[in-house]
Structures are given as C-alpha cells and as structure tokens.
Amino acid sequence: MSGVRASPPVLNEDCEMKIINYFKESYNELMHKVTWPSWSELQGSATLVLVTSVLLALVIAGMDFLFDNAMSFVYKFLY
C-alpha cells in the first residue's frame, strides 16, 4: 500500500527576499518617515482622553439614574 507523502512548505529564495525586504522597509519607515509625538503632546492627548472618558461616564451614569427613577415611578403606579 503506497501513500502520498506531503512535504512541509518550503520558502523559495524569492519569497525569503520579499519577507526580508518587508522588514527592512518597515524599519526604515518607522525610524525615518513616521512623525512621533513629543512627550508634552502625548501627555496632552492622554489628559484629553481621561477628561472625556470621565465626562462621558458621568453623563451615562446620570442618564441611568434618571431612567431608573422614571421607571420606578411608572412601575409604582402599575403594580
């Protein structure tokens, strides 16, 4: 009885060069073409996100409180 033997995939030289080239170009772009924010810009953005998150949480908590009280008022008359 003869079976079919499957060999593991083998990368050819062209594929290996494409992978190496991809990493070289990625490194070059990250180091020389990307504009990274300064520390003060990063702190300002983090503060903005924090304040916005807290305000949004307070708005949602307020809406939840009002809806809970409104529904309690309605259910008090129904039951």
N, C-alpha and C. Protein backbone atom coordinates (compact mmCIF):
# COMPACT_ATOMS: atom_id res chain seq x y z
N MET A 1 0.85 -1.18 0.00
CA MET A 1 0.00 0.00 0.00
C MET A 1 0.89 1.23 0.00
N SER A 2 0.69 2.08 -0.95
CA SER A 2 1.53 3.27 -1.04
C SER A 2 0.70 4.49 -0.65
N GLY A 3 1.32 5.38 0.07
CA GLY A 3 0.63 6.59 0.50
C GLY A 3 1.27 7.81 -0.13
N VAL A 4 0.59 8.89 0.00
CA VAL A 4 1.11 10.15 -0.52
C VAL A 4 1.79 10.86 0.63
N ARG A 5 3.02 11.23 0.41
CA ARG A 5 3.77 11.93 1.44
C ARG A 5 3.74 13.43 1.14
N ALA A 6 3.28 14.19 2.11
CA ALA A 6 3.23 15.64 1.94
C ALA A 6 4.46 16.24 2.60
N SER A 7 5.18 17.03 1.86
CA SER A 7 6.36 17.68 2.43
C SER A 7 5.95 19.03 2.98
N PRO A 8 6.66 19.51 4.00
CA PRO A 8 6.34 20.83 4.55
C PRO A 8 6.60 21.91 3.51
N PRO A 9 5.89 23.01 3.60
CA PRO A 9 6.11 24.08 2.63
C PRO A 9 7.52 24.64 2.75
N VAL A 10 8.11 24.86 1.64
CA VAL A 10 9.48 25.37 1.60
C VAL A 10 9.43 26.76 0.96
N LEU A 11 10.07 27.72 1.62
CA LEU A 11 10.13 29.06 1.07
C LEU A 11 11.22 29.11 0.01
N ASN A 12 10.88 29.62 -1.13
CA ASN A 12 11.91 29.76 -2.15
C ASN A 12 12.68 31.06 -1.90
N GLU A 13 13.75 31.25 -2.61
CA GLU A 13 14.63 32.40 -2.39
C GLU A 13 13.92 33.73 -2.64
N ASP A 14 13.03 33.77 -3.63
CA ASP A 14 12.30 35.00 -3.94
C ASP A 14 11.38 35.38 -2.79
N CYS A 15 10.72 34.39 -2.21
CA CYS A 15 9.81 34.65 -1.08
C CYS A 15 10.59 35.13 0.14
N GLU A 16 11.74 34.51 0.40
CA GLU A 16 12.56 34.92 1.53
C GLU A 16 13.03 36.36 1.36
N MET A 17 13.41 36.76 0.15
CA MET A 17 13.85 38.13 -0.09
C MET A 17 12.71 39.12 0.11
N LYS A 18 11.50 38.72 -0.29
CA LYS A 18 10.35 39.61 -0.09
C LYS A 18 10.09 39.84 1.39
N ILE A 19 10.22 38.78 2.19
CA ILE A 19 10.00 38.91 3.64
C ILE A 19 11.07 39.80 4.26
N ILE A 20 12.32 39.56 3.91
CA ILE A 20 13.42 40.37 4.44
C ILE A 20 13.26 41.82 4.01
N ASN A 21 12.90 42.04 2.76
CA ASN A 21 12.70 43.39 2.24
C ASN A 21 11.55 44.10 2.97
N TYR A 22 10.49 43.34 3.28
CA TYR A 22 9.35 43.91 4.00
C TYR A 22 9.79 44.44 5.36
N PHE A 23 10.56 43.65 6.11
CA PHE A 23 11.01 44.08 7.43
C PHE A 23 11.98 45.25 7.35
N LYS A 24 12.85 45.26 6.35
CA LYS A 24 13.77 46.39 6.18
C LYS A 24 13.00 47.68 5.88
N GLU A 25 12.02 47.59 4.98
CA GLU A 25 11.24 48.78 4.64
C GLU A 25 10.38 49.24 5.82
N SER A 26 9.83 48.29 6.59
CA SER A 26 9.04 48.66 7.77
C SER A 26 9.89 49.39 8.79
N TYR A 27 11.09 48.87 9.04
CA TYR A 27 12.01 49.51 9.98
C TYR A 27 12.37 50.91 9.50
N ASN A 28 12.70 51.05 8.23
CA ASN A 28 13.07 52.34 7.66
C ASN A 28 11.93 53.35 7.80
N GLU A 29 10.72 52.91 7.54
CA GLU A 29 9.58 53.82 7.63
C GLU A 29 9.33 54.25 9.07
N LEU A 30 9.41 53.30 10.02
CA LEU A 30 9.18 53.63 11.43
C LEU A 30 10.26 54.55 11.99
N MET A 31 11.48 54.39 11.52
CA MET A 31 12.57 55.19 12.08
C MET A 31 12.77 56.53 11.39
N HIS A 32 12.42 56.64 10.10
CA HIS A 32 12.77 57.85 9.36
C HIS A 32 11.58 58.62 8.79
N LYS A 33 10.42 57.97 8.62
CA LYS A 33 9.31 58.65 7.97
C LYS A 33 8.14 58.96 8.90
N VAL A 34 8.03 58.22 10.00
CA VAL A 34 6.92 58.43 10.93
C VAL A 34 7.24 59.61 11.83
N THR A 35 6.27 60.47 12.05
CA THR A 35 6.43 61.58 12.98
C THR A 35 5.82 61.18 14.32
N TRP A 36 6.67 61.00 15.30
CA TRP A 36 6.21 60.59 16.62
C TRP A 36 5.87 61.84 17.44
N PRO A 37 4.84 61.76 18.31
CA PRO A 37 4.50 62.93 19.13
C PRO A 37 5.55 63.17 20.21
N SER A 38 5.65 64.42 20.61
CA SER A 38 6.56 64.75 21.71
C SER A 38 5.91 64.32 23.02
N TRP A 39 6.71 64.34 24.09
CA TRP A 39 6.21 63.92 25.39
C TRP A 39 5.06 64.82 25.85
N SER A 40 5.17 66.12 25.63
CA SER A 40 4.11 67.05 26.06
C SER A 40 2.83 66.83 25.23
N GLU A 41 2.98 66.56 23.94
CA GLU A 41 1.80 66.26 23.11
C GLU A 41 1.13 64.98 23.57
N LEU A 42 1.92 64.00 23.95
CA LEU A 42 1.39 62.73 24.43
C LEU A 42 0.64 62.91 25.74
N GLN A 43 1.19 63.72 26.64
CA GLN A 43 0.53 64.00 27.92
C GLN A 43 -0.78 64.75 27.70
N GLY A 44 -0.77 65.71 26.77
CA GLY A 44 -1.99 66.46 26.48
C GLY A 44 -3.08 65.56 25.91
N SER A 45 -2.71 64.66 25.03
CA SER A 45 -3.69 63.73 24.45
C SER A 45 -4.23 62.78 25.51
N ALA A 46 -3.35 62.29 26.39
CA ALA A 46 -3.78 61.39 27.46
C ALA A 46 -4.73 62.10 28.42
N THR A 47 -4.44 63.36 28.73
CA THR A 47 -5.32 64.14 29.61
C THR A 47 -6.67 64.36 28.96
N LEU A 48 -6.69 64.67 27.68
CA LEU A 48 -7.94 64.85 26.95
C LEU A 48 -8.78 63.58 26.96
N VAL A 49 -8.15 62.44 26.74
CA VAL A 49 -8.86 61.16 26.75
C VAL A 49 -9.42 60.88 28.15
N LEU A 50 -8.64 61.15 29.18
CA LEU A 50 -9.09 60.92 30.56
C LEU A 50 -10.29 61.79 30.91
N VAL A 51 -10.20 63.09 30.61
CA VAL A 51 -11.30 64.01 30.93
C VAL A 51 -12.55 63.64 30.14
N THR A 52 -12.41 63.34 28.86
CA THR A 52 -13.55 62.95 28.04
C THR A 52 -14.18 61.67 28.56
N SER A 53 -13.38 60.71 28.97
CA SER A 53 -13.90 59.44 29.49
C SER A 53 -14.68 59.66 30.78
N VAL A 54 -14.15 60.50 31.67
CA VAL A 54 -14.85 60.78 32.93
C VAL A 54 -16.16 61.50 32.66
N LEU A 55 -16.15 62.50 31.77
CA LEU A 55 -17.39 63.22 31.45
C LEU A 55 -18.43 62.29 30.83
N LEU A 56 -18.01 61.45 29.93
CA LEU A 56 -18.92 60.51 29.30
C LEU A 56 -19.49 59.53 30.33
N ALA A 57 -18.65 59.06 31.25
CA ALA A 57 -19.12 58.16 32.30
C ALA A 57 -20.15 58.86 33.19
N LEU A 58 -19.92 60.13 33.50
CA LEU A 58 -20.88 60.88 34.32
C LEU A 58 -22.21 61.08 33.59
N VAL A 59 -22.16 61.38 32.31
CA VAL A 59 -23.39 61.54 31.52
C VAL A 59 -24.17 60.23 31.49
N ILE A 60 -23.50 59.13 31.25
CA ILE A 60 -24.17 57.83 31.20
C ILE A 60 -24.73 57.47 32.57
N ALA A 61 -23.99 57.74 33.65
CA ALA A 61 -24.49 57.47 34.99
C ALA A 61 -25.71 58.32 35.29
N GLY A 62 -25.70 59.59 34.88
CA GLY A 62 -26.86 60.45 35.08
C GLY A 62 -28.08 59.95 34.31
N MET A 63 -27.89 59.54 33.07
CA MET A 63 -28.99 59.01 32.28
C MET A 63 -29.53 57.73 32.92
N ASP A 64 -28.66 56.89 33.43
CA ASP A 64 -29.08 55.66 34.09
C ASP A 64 -29.89 55.98 35.35
N PHE A 65 -29.44 56.95 36.12
CA PHE A 65 -30.15 57.35 37.34
C PHE A 65 -31.55 57.88 37.01
N LEU A 66 -31.63 58.76 36.00
CA LEU A 66 -32.93 59.31 35.61
C LEU A 66 -33.87 58.24 35.08
N PHE A 67 -33.36 57.35 34.25
CA PHE A 67 -34.19 56.30 33.69
C PHE A 67 -34.66 55.35 34.78
N ASP A 68 -33.78 55.02 35.74
CA ASP A 68 -34.16 54.15 36.85
C ASP A 68 -35.26 54.78 37.68
N ASN A 69 -35.13 56.06 37.99
CA ASN A 69 -36.17 56.74 38.78
C ASN A 69 -37.48 56.87 38.01
N ALA A 70 -37.38 57.17 36.72
CA ALA A 70 -38.60 57.28 35.90
C ALA A 70 -39.32 55.94 35.83
N MET A 71 -38.59 54.86 35.62
CA MET A 71 -39.22 53.55 35.53
C MET A 71 -39.77 53.11 36.88
N SER A 72 -39.10 53.44 37.98
CA SER A 72 -39.62 53.12 39.31
C SER A 72 -40.93 53.87 39.56
N PHE A 73 -40.99 55.11 39.11
CA PHE A 73 -42.21 55.91 39.26
C PHE A 73 -43.36 55.29 38.46
N VAL A 74 -43.08 54.87 37.24
CA VAL A 74 -44.11 54.25 36.40
C VAL A 74 -44.56 52.93 36.99
N TYR A 75 -43.63 52.08 37.43
CA TYR A 75 -43.98 50.77 37.97
C TYR A 75 -44.73 50.87 39.29
N LYS A 76 -44.48 51.96 40.03
CA LYS A 76 -45.18 52.13 41.30
C LYS A 76 -46.68 52.24 41.06
N PHE A 77 -47.07 52.86 39.94
CA PHE A 77 -48.49 53.01 39.62
C PHE A 77 -49.09 51.78 38.97
N LEU A 78 -48.27 50.97 38.33
CA LEU A 78 -48.76 49.79 37.64
C LEU A 78 -48.95 48.61 38.57
N TYR A 79 -48.16 48.49 39.61
CA TYR A 79 -48.26 47.30 40.48
C TYR A 79 -48.62 47.67 41.88
